[in-house]
Amino acid sequence: MKVEEIEHEALALPERDRVTLLSKLLATLPPADTQIADEVVEQRERDLDSGKTAAISQAEFVRRVQANRGA
């Protein structure tokens, strides 16, 4: 079975079944590397405090990500 066929079948499932399938698929993936060094966090805080960079809202962040992805 091709990935496109599996995708078509999965998208036709009821929401509860799609969530169950998603959970099972995610459990098979390695954890994301989300570690940020303390030094990076501290530098970002200094940049914000000094005005070198500006904070943005979560909504603005999402808008920018979507724009960069062509959504």
N, C-alpha and C. Protein backbone atom coordinates (compact mmCIF):
# COMPACT_ATOMS: atom_id res chain seq x y z
N MET A 1 0.85 -1.17 0.00
CA MET A 1 0.00 0.00 0.00
C MET A 1 0.90 1.24 0.00
N LYS A 2 0.58 2.21 -0.83
CA LYS A 2 1.37 3.45 -0.93
C LYS A 2 0.97 4.42 0.17
N VAL A 3 1.89 5.31 0.48
CA VAL A 3 1.65 6.31 1.53
C VAL A 3 0.40 7.13 1.21
N GLU A 4 0.21 7.49 -0.05
CA GLU A 4 -0.96 8.27 -0.44
C GLU A 4 -2.26 7.51 -0.14
N GLU A 5 -2.24 6.21 -0.35
CA GLU A 5 -3.43 5.39 -0.07
C GLU A 5 -3.69 5.33 1.44
N ILE A 6 -2.64 5.16 2.19
CA ILE A 6 -2.78 5.12 3.65
C ILE A 6 -3.31 6.46 4.15
N GLU A 7 -2.76 7.55 3.62
CA GLU A 7 -3.21 8.88 4.02
C GLU A 7 -4.70 9.06 3.70
N HIS A 8 -5.11 8.66 2.52
CA HIS A 8 -6.52 8.77 2.12
C HIS A 8 -7.42 7.99 3.08
N GLU A 9 -7.01 6.78 3.39
CA GLU A 9 -7.80 5.94 4.30
C GLU A 9 -7.83 6.55 5.71
N ALA A 10 -6.68 7.04 6.17
CA ALA A 10 -6.60 7.60 7.52
C ALA A 10 -7.47 8.85 7.64
N LEU A 11 -7.46 9.70 6.63
CA LEU A 11 -8.26 10.92 6.67
C LEU A 11 -9.76 10.64 6.62
N ALA A 12 -10.13 9.47 6.16
CA ALA A 12 -11.54 9.10 6.11
C ALA A 12 -12.04 8.53 7.44
N LEU A 13 -11.12 8.28 8.38
CA LEU A 13 -11.51 7.74 9.68
C LEU A 13 -12.25 8.79 10.51
N PRO A 14 -13.08 8.34 11.44
CA PRO A 14 -13.69 9.28 12.38
C PRO A 14 -12.59 9.95 13.23
N GLU A 15 -12.89 11.12 13.75
CA GLU A 15 -11.91 11.90 14.49
C GLU A 15 -11.27 11.09 15.62
N ARG A 16 -12.05 10.38 16.38
CA ARG A 16 -11.51 9.61 17.51
C ARG A 16 -10.48 8.59 17.02
N ASP A 17 -10.75 7.92 15.92
CA ASP A 17 -9.82 6.94 15.37
C ASP A 17 -8.56 7.61 14.82
N ARG A 18 -8.71 8.80 14.22
CA ARG A 18 -7.54 9.53 13.72
C ARG A 18 -6.63 9.94 14.87
N VAL A 19 -7.24 10.36 15.98
CA VAL A 19 -6.45 10.74 17.16
C VAL A 19 -5.70 9.53 17.71
N THR A 20 -6.37 8.40 17.78
CA THR A 20 -5.73 7.17 18.26
C THR A 20 -4.57 6.79 17.36
N LEU A 21 -4.79 6.85 16.06
CA LEU A 21 -3.73 6.52 15.10
C LEU A 21 -2.57 7.49 15.23
N LEU A 22 -2.88 8.76 15.33
CA LEU A 22 -1.83 9.77 15.49
C LEU A 22 -0.99 9.50 16.73
N SER A 23 -1.65 9.21 17.82
CA SER A 23 -0.95 8.93 19.07
C SER A 23 -0.01 7.74 18.91
N LYS A 24 -0.47 6.71 18.26
CA LYS A 24 0.37 5.52 18.05
C LYS A 24 1.55 5.82 17.13
N LEU A 25 1.32 6.62 16.09
CA LEU A 25 2.41 6.97 15.17
C LEU A 25 3.44 7.85 15.87
N LEU A 26 2.98 8.83 16.62
CA LEU A 26 3.91 9.71 17.34
C LEU A 26 4.76 8.95 18.34
N ALA A 27 4.18 7.93 18.94
CA ALA A 27 4.91 7.12 19.93
C ALA A 27 6.07 6.36 19.30
N THR A 28 6.05 6.20 17.98
CA THR A 28 7.13 5.47 17.30
C THR A 28 8.29 6.37 16.91
N LEU A 29 8.12 7.69 17.06
CA LEU A 29 9.17 8.62 16.66
C LEU A 29 10.07 8.96 17.84
N PRO A 30 11.33 9.28 17.54
CA PRO A 30 12.22 9.69 18.62
C PRO A 30 11.78 11.05 19.16
N PRO A 31 12.08 11.35 20.40
CA PRO A 31 11.69 12.65 20.95
C PRO A 31 12.40 13.78 20.21
N ALA A 32 11.71 14.89 20.09
CA ALA A 32 12.30 16.06 19.43
C ALA A 32 13.40 16.63 20.31
N ASP A 33 14.43 17.13 19.67
CA ASP A 33 15.51 17.77 20.40
C ASP A 33 15.12 19.21 20.66
N THR A 34 14.61 19.46 21.85
CA THR A 34 14.12 20.80 22.19
C THR A 34 14.98 21.47 23.24
N GLN A 35 16.14 20.91 23.49
CA GLN A 35 17.02 21.48 24.50
C GLN A 35 17.66 22.76 23.98
N ILE A 36 17.59 23.81 24.77
CA ILE A 36 18.24 25.07 24.44
C ILE A 36 19.24 25.35 25.56
N ALA A 37 20.45 25.64 25.17
CA ALA A 37 21.50 25.90 26.15
C ALA A 37 21.14 27.12 27.00
N ASP A 38 21.50 27.06 28.26
CA ASP A 38 21.26 28.19 29.17
C ASP A 38 21.84 29.48 28.63
N GLU A 39 23.01 29.37 27.99
CA GLU A 39 23.66 30.56 27.44
C GLU A 39 22.79 31.22 26.37
N VAL A 40 22.13 30.42 25.57
CA VAL A 40 21.27 30.95 24.52
C VAL A 40 20.07 31.67 25.14
N VAL A 41 19.48 31.07 26.14
CA VAL A 41 18.34 31.68 26.83
C VAL A 41 18.76 33.00 27.45
N GLU A 42 19.90 33.00 28.12
CA GLU A 42 20.39 34.22 28.77
C GLU A 42 20.67 35.32 27.75
N GLN A 43 21.25 34.96 26.60
CA GLN A 43 21.53 35.96 25.56
C GLN A 43 20.23 36.53 25.01
N ARG A 44 19.25 35.68 24.81
CA ARG A 44 17.95 36.16 24.31
C ARG A 44 17.29 37.10 25.31
N GLU A 45 17.41 36.79 26.59
CA GLU A 45 16.87 37.68 27.63
C GLU A 45 17.58 39.03 27.61
N ARG A 46 18.92 39.00 27.46
CA ARG A 46 19.68 40.26 27.39
C ARG A 46 19.26 41.07 26.16
N ASP A 47 19.07 40.39 25.04
CA ASP A 47 18.65 41.07 23.81
C ASP A 47 17.29 41.73 23.99
N LEU A 48 16.37 41.04 24.65
CA LEU A 48 15.05 41.62 24.92
C LEU A 48 15.15 42.81 25.87
N ASP A 49 15.91 42.64 26.93
CA ASP A 49 16.06 43.70 27.94
C ASP A 49 16.70 44.95 27.36
N SER A 50 17.64 44.76 26.45
CA SER A 50 18.37 45.89 25.89
C SER A 50 17.62 46.56 24.75
N GLY A 51 16.58 45.91 24.26
CA GLY A 51 15.84 46.46 23.13
C GLY A 51 16.42 46.05 21.78
N LYS A 52 17.46 45.23 21.80
CA LYS A 52 18.07 44.75 20.55
C LYS A 52 17.05 43.95 19.73
N THR A 53 16.23 43.20 20.42
CA THR A 53 15.14 42.47 19.77
C THR A 53 13.84 42.79 20.50
N ALA A 54 12.74 42.55 19.82
CA ALA A 54 11.42 42.84 20.39
C ALA A 54 10.62 41.54 20.49
N ALA A 55 9.86 41.43 21.55
CA ALA A 55 8.99 40.27 21.72
C ALA A 55 7.80 40.40 20.76
N ILE A 56 7.29 39.27 20.33
CA ILE A 56 6.08 39.25 19.50
C ILE A 56 5.07 38.32 20.15
N SER A 57 3.82 38.51 19.82
CA SER A 57 2.76 37.66 20.37
C SER A 57 2.79 36.29 19.71
N GLN A 58 2.13 35.35 20.34
CA GLN A 58 2.02 34.01 19.76
C GLN A 58 1.30 34.08 18.43
N ALA A 59 0.28 34.91 18.33
CA ALA A 59 -0.48 35.06 17.08
C ALA A 59 0.42 35.59 15.96
N GLU A 60 1.27 36.55 16.29
CA GLU A 60 2.20 37.09 15.29
C GLU A 60 3.22 36.05 14.88
N PHE A 61 3.70 35.27 15.85
CA PHE A 61 4.63 34.19 15.53
C PHE A 61 4.01 33.21 14.55
N VAL A 62 2.79 32.78 14.83
CA VAL A 62 2.10 31.83 13.95
C VAL A 62 1.91 32.44 12.56
N ARG A 63 1.51 33.73 12.51
CA ARG A 63 1.31 34.40 11.23
C ARG A 63 2.60 34.39 10.41
N ARG A 64 3.73 34.68 11.06
CA ARG A 64 5.02 34.72 10.35
C ARG A 64 5.43 33.34 9.87
N VAL A 65 5.24 32.33 10.71
CA VAL A 65 5.58 30.96 10.31
C VAL A 65 4.74 30.55 9.10
N GLN A 66 3.46 30.82 9.16
CA GLN A 66 2.58 30.47 8.04
C GLN A 66 2.96 31.23 6.77
N ALA A 67 3.32 32.48 6.91
CA ALA A 67 3.74 33.27 5.75
C ALA A 67 5.01 32.69 5.13
N ASN A 68 5.94 32.28 5.98
CA ASN A 68 7.19 31.70 5.48
C ASN A 68 6.97 30.36 4.81
N ARG A 69 5.93 29.66 5.23
CA ARG A 69 5.62 28.36 4.64
C ARG A 69 4.72 28.47 3.42
N GLY A 70 4.28 29.69 3.15
CA GLY A 70 3.41 29.90 1.99
C GLY A 70 1.97 29.50 2.24
N ALA A 71 1.58 29.46 3.52
CA ALA A 71 0.21 29.06 3.86
C ALA A 71 -0.75 30.20 3.66
